[in-house]
């Protein structure tokens, strides 16, 4: 008798559910979402937006210092 072996079941609805959970309960999540505009009127506006986005990300993200101590 031949047995089919499944190594990993891909469940896209579970991934979608995780995304919805992160959107609707942001305080419990370790992720955050940002909305990005695709079009700008001038190159200066685009550069200012990129700078502000990088500044926002550097303020919002944290580095787990214990991670580096465990690797050594």
Protein backbone atom coordinates (compact mmCIF):
# COMPACT_ATOMS: atom_id res chain seq x y z
CA UNK A 1 0.00 0.00 0.00
CA UNK A 2 1.39 3.37 -1.02
CA UNK A 3 1.33 6.13 1.61
CA UNK A 4 1.39 9.78 0.57
CA UNK A 5 3.62 11.84 2.79
CA UNK A 6 2.95 15.57 3.25
CA UNK A 7 5.92 17.41 4.66
CA UNK A 8 4.32 20.81 5.12
CA UNK A 9 0.74 21.88 4.60
CA UNK A 10 0.48 25.41 3.23
CA UNK A 11 -2.53 27.19 4.66
CA UNK A 12 -2.93 30.62 3.08
CA UNK A 13 -6.04 31.49 5.09
CA UNK A 14 -4.05 31.17 8.31
CA UNK A 15 -1.49 33.64 7.02
CA UNK A 16 -4.29 35.98 5.98
CA UNK A 17 -5.84 35.61 9.44
CA UNK A 18 -2.53 36.58 11.06
CA UNK A 19 -2.38 39.70 8.90
CA UNK A 20 -5.93 40.67 9.87
CA UNK A 21 -5.12 40.09 13.54
CA UNK A 22 -2.09 42.41 13.26
CA UNK A 23 -4.20 45.10 11.60
CA UNK A 24 -7.14 45.03 14.01
CA UNK A 25 -5.23 44.50 17.26
CA UNK A 26 -1.96 46.44 16.86
CA UNK A 27 -1.18 46.63 20.58
CA UNK A 28 -0.85 42.84 20.80
CA UNK A 29 1.24 42.60 17.64
CA UNK A 30 4.98 42.98 17.22
CA UNK A 31 4.44 44.42 13.72
CA UNK A 32 3.10 47.72 12.43
CA UNK A 33 1.74 48.95 9.13
CA UNK A 34 2.50 52.11 7.19
CA UNK A 35 0.65 53.49 4.18
CA UNK A 36 2.96 54.68 1.42
CA UNK A 37 2.08 57.00 -1.43
CA UNK A 38 3.25 55.91 -4.87
CA UNK A 39 3.23 59.31 -6.56
CA UNK A 40 4.75 62.67 -5.66
CA UNK A 41 4.56 66.04 -7.41
CA UNK A 42 8.27 66.90 -7.13
CA UNK A 43 11.51 65.12 -6.49
CA UNK A 44 11.99 67.17 -3.30
CA UNK A 45 8.67 65.88 -1.88
CA UNK A 46 9.78 62.34 -2.64
CA UNK A 47 13.14 62.81 -0.90
CA UNK A 48 11.49 64.40 2.16
CA UNK A 49 9.03 61.52 2.37
CA UNK A 50 11.83 58.94 2.20
CA UNK A 51 13.78 60.78 4.91
CA UNK A 52 10.73 61.01 7.19
CA UNK A 53 9.93 57.33 6.65
CA UNK A 54 13.46 56.26 7.55
CA UNK A 55 13.37 58.48 10.63
CA UNK A 56 10.01 57.00 11.67
CA UNK A 57 11.28 53.45 11.24
CA UNK A 58 14.43 54.13 13.25
CA UNK A 59 12.30 55.55 16.09
CA UNK A 60 9.72 52.75 16.08
CA UNK A 61 11.95 49.68 15.77
CA UNK A 62 13.91 48.17 18.64
CA UNK A 63 16.94 45.89 18.74
CA UNK A 64 16.79 42.88 21.02
CA UNK A 65 20.10 43.09 22.89
CA UNK A 66 19.72 39.60 24.36
CA UNK A 67 19.79 38.12 20.85
CA UNK A 68 23.41 39.14 20.35
CA UNK A 69 24.45 37.84 23.77
CA UNK A 70 22.95 34.42 23.01
CA UNK A 71 24.82 34.09 19.69
CA UNK A 72 28.25 34.60 21.25
